[in-house]
Amino acid sequence: MRLVGPSGEQVGIVPLAKALELAQEYDLDLVEVAATARPPVCKLMDYGKFKYESAMKAREARKNQAHTVIKEMKLRPKIDPHDYDTKKGHVVRFLKQGDKVKITIMFRGREQSRPSWASDCSSVWLRMSRNSASSSRTRSRTAGT
């Protein structure tokens, strides 16, 4: 087998018994790194320390990755304009926090026989969101002067 020393230097091609003897001499573990290579490659290392360091790297990578959350806002066709404003405020807050928002229009009972209400509801929602977007742009322009 090809043996790699504890500091990464090439020891050379040695028999298994010699590799185990060197591992005991250095008080390290003999770890097979590449089993499919010809000859197989083994390394002298502290396996417990290696596992700990790899777990710490994985934890650090998980901590730094972006975590997206999908928030859901449920609407009904017969909803008061004030409730639209409240729900719109929640959606704007979610979007500013960097979350994704899913808007669902729910129908209950006899409302299901009127699917055209869904388009009415969505058009009201779009109109209100456009108005708030234009008013926020106006506010930001006037606030800067």
N, C-alpha and C. Protein backbone atom coordinates (compact mmCIF):
# COMPACT_ATOMS: atom_id res chain seq x y z
N MET A 1 0.83 -1.17 0.00
CA MET A 1 0.00 0.00 0.00
C MET A 1 0.88 1.24 0.00
N ARG A 2 0.33 2.35 -0.57
CA ARG A 2 1.06 3.62 -0.57
C ARG A 2 0.74 4.31 0.74
N LEU A 3 1.76 4.74 1.47
CA LEU A 3 1.58 5.31 2.79
C LEU A 3 1.95 6.80 2.79
N VAL A 4 1.06 7.58 3.40
CA VAL A 4 1.27 9.02 3.57
C VAL A 4 1.51 9.26 5.05
N GLY A 5 2.54 10.00 5.39
CA GLY A 5 2.91 10.25 6.79
C GLY A 5 1.96 11.22 7.48
N PRO A 6 2.20 11.43 8.79
CA PRO A 6 1.31 12.29 9.56
C PRO A 6 1.32 13.76 9.12
N SER A 7 2.40 14.24 8.57
CA SER A 7 2.44 15.64 8.12
C SER A 7 2.22 15.78 6.62
N GLY A 8 1.78 14.72 5.95
CA GLY A 8 1.44 14.77 4.54
C GLY A 8 2.55 14.33 3.61
N GLU A 9 3.70 13.93 4.14
CA GLU A 9 4.81 13.52 3.28
C GLU A 9 4.59 12.07 2.81
N GLN A 10 5.12 11.76 1.64
CA GLN A 10 5.02 10.41 1.08
C GLN A 10 6.05 9.51 1.75
N VAL A 11 5.59 8.43 2.38
CA VAL A 11 6.51 7.46 2.97
C VAL A 11 6.94 6.46 1.89
N GLY A 12 5.99 6.14 1.02
CA GLY A 12 6.30 5.22 -0.07
C GLY A 12 5.36 4.03 -0.04
N ILE A 13 5.70 3.00 -0.84
CA ILE A 13 4.89 1.79 -0.89
C ILE A 13 5.48 0.82 0.13
N VAL A 14 4.64 0.47 1.12
CA VAL A 14 5.09 -0.41 2.21
C VAL A 14 4.06 -1.51 2.41
N PRO A 15 4.48 -2.66 2.95
CA PRO A 15 3.51 -3.71 3.25
C PRO A 15 2.64 -3.31 4.46
N LEU A 16 1.51 -3.99 4.62
CA LEU A 16 0.54 -3.69 5.68
C LEU A 16 1.17 -3.79 7.07
N ALA A 17 1.98 -4.81 7.30
CA ALA A 17 2.60 -4.99 8.62
C ALA A 17 3.49 -3.80 8.96
N LYS A 18 4.27 -3.33 8.00
CA LYS A 18 5.15 -2.17 8.23
C LYS A 18 4.33 -0.91 8.51
N ALA A 19 3.21 -0.73 7.79
CA ALA A 19 2.34 0.43 7.99
C ALA A 19 1.73 0.41 9.39
N LEU A 20 1.27 -0.76 9.84
CA LEU A 20 0.72 -0.87 11.18
C LEU A 20 1.78 -0.60 12.24
N GLU A 21 2.99 -1.06 11.99
CA GLU A 21 4.10 -0.83 12.92
C GLU A 21 4.41 0.66 13.04
N LEU A 22 4.43 1.38 11.90
CA LEU A 22 4.66 2.82 11.91
C LEU A 22 3.52 3.56 12.63
N ALA A 23 2.29 3.09 12.46
CA ALA A 23 1.15 3.71 13.14
C ALA A 23 1.29 3.58 14.65
N GLN A 24 1.71 2.40 15.12
CA GLN A 24 1.92 2.22 16.56
C GLN A 24 3.09 3.07 17.06
N GLU A 25 4.10 3.19 16.26
CA GLU A 25 5.28 3.97 16.64
C GLU A 25 4.92 5.45 16.82
N TYR A 26 4.12 5.99 15.93
CA TYR A 26 3.72 7.39 16.01
C TYR A 26 2.49 7.59 16.92
N ASP A 27 1.90 6.50 17.40
CA ASP A 27 0.68 6.52 18.22
C ASP A 27 -0.47 7.19 17.47
N LEU A 28 -0.63 6.79 16.19
CA LEU A 28 -1.68 7.31 15.33
C LEU A 28 -2.48 6.15 14.74
N ASP A 29 -3.53 6.49 14.01
CA ASP A 29 -4.36 5.47 13.35
C ASP A 29 -3.95 5.36 11.89
N LEU A 30 -4.12 4.17 11.34
CA LEU A 30 -3.88 3.93 9.92
C LEU A 30 -5.23 3.98 9.23
N VAL A 31 -5.44 5.01 8.40
CA VAL A 31 -6.74 5.25 7.77
C VAL A 31 -6.59 5.08 6.27
N GLU A 32 -7.47 4.28 5.68
CA GLU A 32 -7.46 4.08 4.23
C GLU A 32 -8.15 5.27 3.58
N VAL A 33 -7.43 5.98 2.74
CA VAL A 33 -7.94 7.19 2.12
C VAL A 33 -8.55 6.91 0.76
N ALA A 34 -7.87 6.12 -0.06
CA ALA A 34 -8.35 5.80 -1.41
C ALA A 34 -8.25 4.30 -1.61
N ALA A 35 -9.37 3.62 -1.44
CA ALA A 35 -9.38 2.16 -1.53
C ALA A 35 -9.31 1.68 -2.97
N THR A 36 -9.81 2.45 -3.91
CA THR A 36 -9.86 1.99 -5.30
C THR A 36 -8.56 2.24 -6.05
N ALA A 37 -7.67 3.03 -5.47
CA ALA A 37 -6.39 3.30 -6.14
C ALA A 37 -5.53 2.04 -6.15
N ARG A 38 -4.62 1.97 -7.11
CA ARG A 38 -3.69 0.83 -7.18
C ARG A 38 -2.29 1.34 -7.00
N PRO A 39 -1.59 1.08 -5.97
CA PRO A 39 -1.99 0.39 -4.74
C PRO A 39 -2.86 1.30 -3.88
N PRO A 40 -3.63 0.73 -2.92
CA PRO A 40 -4.49 1.56 -2.05
C PRO A 40 -3.65 2.56 -1.26
N VAL A 41 -4.24 3.72 -1.00
CA VAL A 41 -3.53 4.78 -0.29
C VAL A 41 -4.05 4.84 1.14
N CYS A 42 -3.11 4.84 2.10
CA CYS A 42 -3.44 4.94 3.52
C CYS A 42 -2.66 6.11 4.12
N LYS A 43 -3.20 6.66 5.20
CA LYS A 43 -2.56 7.81 5.83
C LYS A 43 -2.49 7.58 7.33
N LEU A 44 -1.40 8.04 7.92
CA LEU A 44 -1.26 8.01 9.37
C LEU A 44 -1.86 9.30 9.93
N MET A 45 -2.89 9.17 10.77
CA MET A 45 -3.54 10.36 11.34
C MET A 45 -4.26 10.00 12.62
N ASP A 46 -4.60 11.02 13.39
CA ASP A 46 -5.44 10.85 14.57
C ASP A 46 -6.88 10.90 14.08
N TYR A 47 -7.53 9.74 13.98
CA TYR A 47 -8.84 9.66 13.36
C TYR A 47 -9.90 10.41 14.17
N GLY A 48 -9.83 10.37 15.50
CA GLY A 48 -10.78 11.09 16.33
C GLY A 48 -10.72 12.59 16.08
N LYS A 49 -9.50 13.11 15.98
CA LYS A 49 -9.32 14.53 15.71
C LYS A 49 -9.84 14.88 14.31
N PHE A 50 -9.59 14.00 13.34
CA PHE A 50 -10.06 14.20 11.97
C PHE A 50 -11.58 14.27 11.93
N LYS A 51 -12.26 13.34 12.63
CA LYS A 51 -13.72 13.33 12.66
C LYS A 51 -14.26 14.60 13.32
N TYR A 52 -13.63 15.03 14.41
CA TYR A 52 -14.07 16.23 15.11
C TYR A 52 -13.94 17.46 14.21
N GLU A 53 -12.79 17.59 13.53
CA GLU A 53 -12.57 18.75 12.67
C GLU A 53 -13.54 18.75 11.49
N SER A 54 -13.82 17.58 10.93
CA SER A 54 -14.76 17.54 9.81
C SER A 54 -16.18 17.87 10.28
N ALA A 55 -16.55 17.46 11.50
CA ALA A 55 -17.86 17.82 12.04
C ALA A 55 -17.95 19.33 12.27
N MET A 56 -16.86 19.94 12.75
CA MET A 56 -16.86 21.40 12.97
C MET A 56 -16.97 22.15 11.64
N LYS A 57 -16.30 21.66 10.60
CA LYS A 57 -16.40 22.30 9.28
C LYS A 57 -17.83 22.19 8.74
N ALA A 58 -18.45 21.03 8.93
CA ALA A 58 -19.82 20.85 8.46
C ALA A 58 -20.78 21.76 9.22
N ARG A 59 -20.59 21.89 10.53
CA ARG A 59 -21.45 22.76 11.33
C ARG A 59 -21.29 24.22 10.90
N GLU A 60 -20.05 24.63 10.64
CA GLU A 60 -19.80 26.00 10.20
C GLU A 60 -20.44 26.26 8.84
N ALA A 61 -20.38 25.28 7.95
CA ALA A 61 -20.99 25.43 6.63
C ALA A 61 -22.50 25.55 6.75
N ARG A 62 -23.12 24.77 7.65
CA ARG A 62 -24.56 24.87 7.85
C ARG A 62 -24.95 26.21 8.43
N LYS A 63 -24.11 26.75 9.31
CA LYS A 63 -24.42 28.03 9.94
C LYS A 63 -24.40 29.16 8.92
N ASN A 64 -23.50 29.08 7.94
CA ASN A 64 -23.33 30.16 6.97
C ASN A 64 -24.27 30.07 5.79
N GLN A 65 -24.99 28.96 5.62
CA GLN A 65 -25.85 28.86 4.45
C GLN A 65 -27.13 29.64 4.65
N ALA A 66 -27.70 30.10 3.56
CA ALA A 66 -28.92 30.90 3.61
C ALA A 66 -30.11 30.00 3.93
N HIS A 67 -30.96 30.49 4.82
CA HIS A 67 -32.13 29.73 5.23
C HIS A 67 -33.36 30.50 4.78
N THR A 68 -34.07 29.99 3.77
CA THR A 68 -35.25 30.67 3.27
C THR A 68 -36.49 30.06 3.91
N VAL A 69 -37.40 30.93 4.26
CA VAL A 69 -38.65 30.51 4.88
C VAL A 69 -39.78 30.95 3.97
N ILE A 70 -40.76 30.08 3.77
CA ILE A 70 -41.93 30.43 2.98
C ILE A 70 -43.07 30.72 3.94
N LYS A 71 -43.53 31.96 3.93
CA LYS A 71 -44.66 32.37 4.74
C LYS A 71 -45.90 32.29 3.86
N GLU A 72 -47.02 31.93 4.47
CA GLU A 72 -48.26 31.81 3.70
C GLU A 72 -49.28 32.78 4.24
N MET A 73 -49.95 33.49 3.33
CA MET A 73 -51.01 34.40 3.70
C MET A 73 -52.29 33.89 3.04
N LYS A 74 -53.30 33.61 3.85
CA LYS A 74 -54.57 33.09 3.33
C LYS A 74 -55.59 34.20 3.27
N LEU A 75 -56.26 34.30 2.13
CA LEU A 75 -57.28 35.32 1.92
C LEU A 75 -58.61 34.65 1.60
N ARG A 76 -59.68 35.37 1.86
CA ARG A 76 -61.03 34.91 1.49
C ARG A 76 -61.59 35.91 0.49
N PRO A 77 -62.51 35.50 -0.38
CA PRO A 77 -63.06 36.44 -1.37
C PRO A 77 -63.82 37.60 -0.73
N LYS A 78 -64.58 37.34 0.32
CA LYS A 78 -65.37 38.40 0.96
C LYS A 78 -64.61 38.89 2.19
N ILE A 79 -63.64 39.76 1.95
CA ILE A 79 -62.83 40.26 3.05
C ILE A 79 -62.86 41.79 3.01
N ASP A 80 -62.88 42.41 4.15
CA ASP A 80 -62.97 43.85 4.28
C ASP A 80 -61.68 44.51 3.78
N PRO A 81 -61.78 45.69 3.19
CA PRO A 81 -60.55 46.37 2.71
C PRO A 81 -59.53 46.62 3.82
N HIS A 82 -59.99 46.87 5.03
CA HIS A 82 -59.05 47.07 6.14
C HIS A 82 -58.26 45.79 6.41
N ASP A 83 -58.93 44.64 6.30
CA ASP A 83 -58.24 43.37 6.49
C ASP A 83 -57.21 43.13 5.37
N TYR A 84 -57.55 43.57 4.14
CA TYR A 84 -56.58 43.50 3.06
C TYR A 84 -55.34 44.31 3.42
N ASP A 85 -55.55 45.53 3.95
CA ASP A 85 -54.42 46.38 4.32
C ASP A 85 -53.56 45.70 5.38
N THR A 86 -54.21 45.09 6.36
CA THR A 86 -53.46 44.42 7.43
C THR A 86 -52.64 43.28 6.87
N LYS A 87 -53.27 42.45 6.05
CA LYS A 87 -52.56 41.31 5.48
C LYS A 87 -51.46 41.78 4.53
N LYS A 88 -51.71 42.86 3.80
CA LYS A 88 -50.70 43.41 2.90
C LYS A 88 -49.49 43.89 3.71
N GLY A 89 -49.74 44.50 4.86
CA GLY A 89 -48.65 44.93 5.73
C GLY A 89 -47.80 43.76 6.20
N HIS A 90 -48.47 42.64 6.53
CA HIS A 90 -47.74 41.44 6.94
C HIS A 90 -46.87 40.93 5.79
N VAL A 91 -47.43 40.91 4.59
CA VAL A 91 -46.69 40.41 3.42
C VAL A 91 -45.48 41.30 3.16
N VAL A 92 -45.65 42.61 3.23
CA VAL A 92 -44.54 43.53 3.01
C VAL A 92 -43.46 43.30 4.05
N ARG A 93 -43.86 43.10 5.31
CA ARG A 93 -42.89 42.85 6.38
C ARG A 93 -42.12 41.56 6.13
N PHE A 94 -42.84 40.51 5.71
CA PHE A 94 -42.18 39.23 5.41
C PHE A 94 -41.16 39.39 4.29
N LEU A 95 -41.55 40.12 3.24
CA LEU A 95 -40.65 40.30 2.11
C LEU A 95 -39.42 41.12 2.50
N LYS A 96 -39.59 42.12 3.36
CA LYS A 96 -38.45 42.92 3.80
C LYS A 96 -37.50 42.09 4.65
N GLN A 97 -38.04 41.08 5.36
CA GLN A 97 -37.19 40.20 6.16
C GLN A 97 -36.44 39.20 5.29
N GLY A 98 -36.80 39.11 4.01
CA GLY A 98 -36.12 38.21 3.10
C GLY A 98 -36.81 36.86 2.93
N ASP A 99 -38.02 36.73 3.46
CA ASP A 99 -38.76 35.49 3.32
C ASP A 99 -39.53 35.48 2.01
N LYS A 100 -39.92 34.29 1.57
CA LYS A 100 -40.79 34.16 0.41
C LYS A 100 -42.22 34.11 0.93
N VAL A 101 -43.16 34.61 0.12
CA VAL A 101 -44.56 34.66 0.55
C VAL A 101 -45.42 33.94 -0.47
N LYS A 102 -46.28 33.07 0.04
CA LYS A 102 -47.25 32.35 -0.78
C LYS A 102 -48.63 32.86 -0.40
N ILE A 103 -49.39 33.35 -1.37
CA ILE A 103 -50.72 33.88 -1.10
C ILE A 103 -51.75 32.88 -1.61
N THR A 104 -52.67 32.48 -0.72
CA THR A 104 -53.69 31.50 -1.05
C THR A 104 -55.06 32.14 -0.90
N ILE A 105 -55.91 31.97 -1.90
CA ILE A 105 -57.28 32.45 -1.81
C ILE A 105 -58.16 31.24 -1.52
N MET A 106 -58.84 31.27 -0.36
CA MET A 106 -59.65 30.12 0.09
C MET A 106 -61.12 30.38 -0.22
N PHE A 107 -61.80 29.31 -0.62
CA PHE A 107 -63.23 29.35 -0.83
C PHE A 107 -63.89 28.37 0.12
N ARG A 108 -65.01 28.77 0.70
CA ARG A 108 -65.76 27.89 1.58
C ARG A 108 -67.22 27.88 1.14
N GLY A 109 -67.81 26.72 1.24
CA GLY A 109 -69.25 26.60 0.98
C GLY A 109 -69.65 27.07 -0.39
N ARG A 110 -70.62 28.00 -0.42
CA ARG A 110 -71.16 28.49 -1.69
C ARG A 110 -70.18 29.37 -2.46
N GLU A 111 -69.13 29.82 -1.80
CA GLU A 111 -68.12 30.62 -2.50
C GLU A 111 -67.46 29.81 -3.61
N GLN A 112 -67.45 28.50 -3.47
CA GLN A 112 -66.81 27.65 -4.48
C GLN A 112 -67.54 27.67 -5.81
N SER A 113 -68.82 28.04 -5.80
CA SER A 113 -69.57 28.09 -7.05
C SER A 113 -69.30 29.39 -7.83
N ARG A 114 -68.51 30.29 -7.27
CA ARG A 114 -68.18 31.55 -7.92
C ARG A 114 -66.66 31.71 -8.07
N PRO A 115 -66.05 30.98 -9.01
CA PRO A 115 -64.59 31.09 -9.17
C PRO A 115 -64.16 32.45 -9.70
N SER A 116 -65.08 33.21 -10.26
CA SER A 116 -64.70 34.55 -10.75
C SER A 116 -64.30 35.46 -9.60
N TRP A 117 -64.76 35.16 -8.39
CA TRP A 117 -64.39 35.96 -7.23
C TRP A 117 -62.88 35.89 -6.97
N ALA A 118 -62.27 34.78 -7.37
CA ALA A 118 -60.82 34.65 -7.16
C ALA A 118 -60.08 35.69 -7.99
N SER A 119 -60.50 35.88 -9.24
CA SER A 119 -59.84 36.90 -10.07
C SER A 119 -60.12 38.29 -9.52
N ASP A 120 -61.35 38.51 -9.01
CA ASP A 120 -61.65 39.81 -8.40
C ASP A 120 -60.76 40.05 -7.19
N CYS A 121 -60.63 39.02 -6.36
CA CYS A 121 -59.82 39.11 -5.14
C CYS A 121 -58.36 39.37 -5.50
N SER A 122 -57.85 38.65 -6.49
CA SER A 122 -56.44 38.83 -6.86
C SER A 122 -56.21 40.18 -7.52
N SER A 123 -57.20 40.68 -8.29
CA SER A 123 -57.03 42.01 -8.90
C SER A 123 -57.03 43.10 -7.85
N VAL A 124 -57.86 42.94 -6.81
CA VAL A 124 -57.86 43.91 -5.71
C VAL A 124 -56.51 43.87 -5.01
N TRP A 125 -56.00 42.67 -4.79
CA TRP A 125 -54.70 42.51 -4.11
C TRP A 125 -53.59 43.18 -4.92
N LEU A 126 -53.58 42.94 -6.23
CA LEU A 126 -52.55 43.54 -7.08
C LEU A 126 -52.67 45.06 -7.11
N ARG A 127 -53.90 45.56 -7.21
CA ARG A 127 -54.12 47.00 -7.24
C ARG A 127 -53.60 47.64 -5.94
N MET A 128 -53.92 47.02 -4.81
CA MET A 128 -53.49 47.57 -3.53
C MET A 128 -51.97 47.50 -3.39
N SER A 129 -51.37 46.42 -3.86
CA SER A 129 -49.91 46.31 -3.74
C SER A 129 -49.21 47.31 -4.66
N ARG A 130 -49.78 47.56 -5.86
CA ARG A 130 -49.19 48.57 -6.75
C ARG A 130 -49.31 49.96 -6.13
N ASN A 131 -50.46 50.25 -5.53
CA ASN A 131 -50.64 51.55 -4.89
C ASN A 131 -49.65 51.74 -3.76
N SER A 132 -49.44 50.70 -2.97
CA SER A 132 -48.50 50.83 -1.85
C SER A 132 -47.07 50.96 -2.35
N ALA A 133 -46.74 50.28 -3.46
CA ALA A 133 -45.39 50.37 -4.01
C ALA A 133 -45.14 51.78 -4.55
N SER A 134 -46.13 52.35 -5.24
CA SER A 134 -45.94 53.70 -5.78
C SER A 134 -45.90 54.72 -4.66
N SER A 135 -46.71 54.53 -3.61
CA SER A 135 -46.69 55.49 -2.51
C SER A 135 -45.40 55.38 -1.71
N SER A 136 -44.84 54.19 -1.60
CA SER A 136 -43.58 54.06 -0.87
C SER A 136 -42.44 54.68 -1.67
N ARG A 137 -42.49 54.59 -3.01
CA ARG A 137 -41.48 55.24 -3.83
C ARG A 137 -41.59 56.76 -3.68
N THR A 138 -42.83 57.27 -3.65
CA THR A 138 -43.03 58.71 -3.49
C THR A 138 -42.53 59.15 -2.13
N ARG A 139 -42.83 58.35 -1.09
CA ARG A 139 -42.37 58.69 0.25
C ARG A 139 -40.86 58.71 0.31
N SER A 140 -40.21 57.74 -0.34
CA SER A 140 -38.75 57.69 -0.26
C SER A 140 -38.11 58.86 -1.00
N ARG A 141 -38.75 59.32 -2.10
CA ARG A 141 -38.23 60.47 -2.82
C ARG A 141 -38.36 61.74 -1.99
N THR A 142 -39.52 61.91 -1.35
CA THR A 142 -39.74 63.13 -0.58
C THR A 142 -38.94 63.09 0.72
N ALA A 143 -38.69 61.91 1.26
CA ALA A 143 -37.93 61.83 2.51
C ALA A 143 -36.47 62.20 2.28
N GLY A 144 -35.95 61.96 1.09
CA GLY A 144 -34.54 62.24 0.81
C GLY A 144 -34.26 63.70 0.57
N THR A 145 -35.30 64.51 0.23
CA THR A 145 -35.07 65.92 -0.09
C THR A 145 -35.25 66.80 1.09
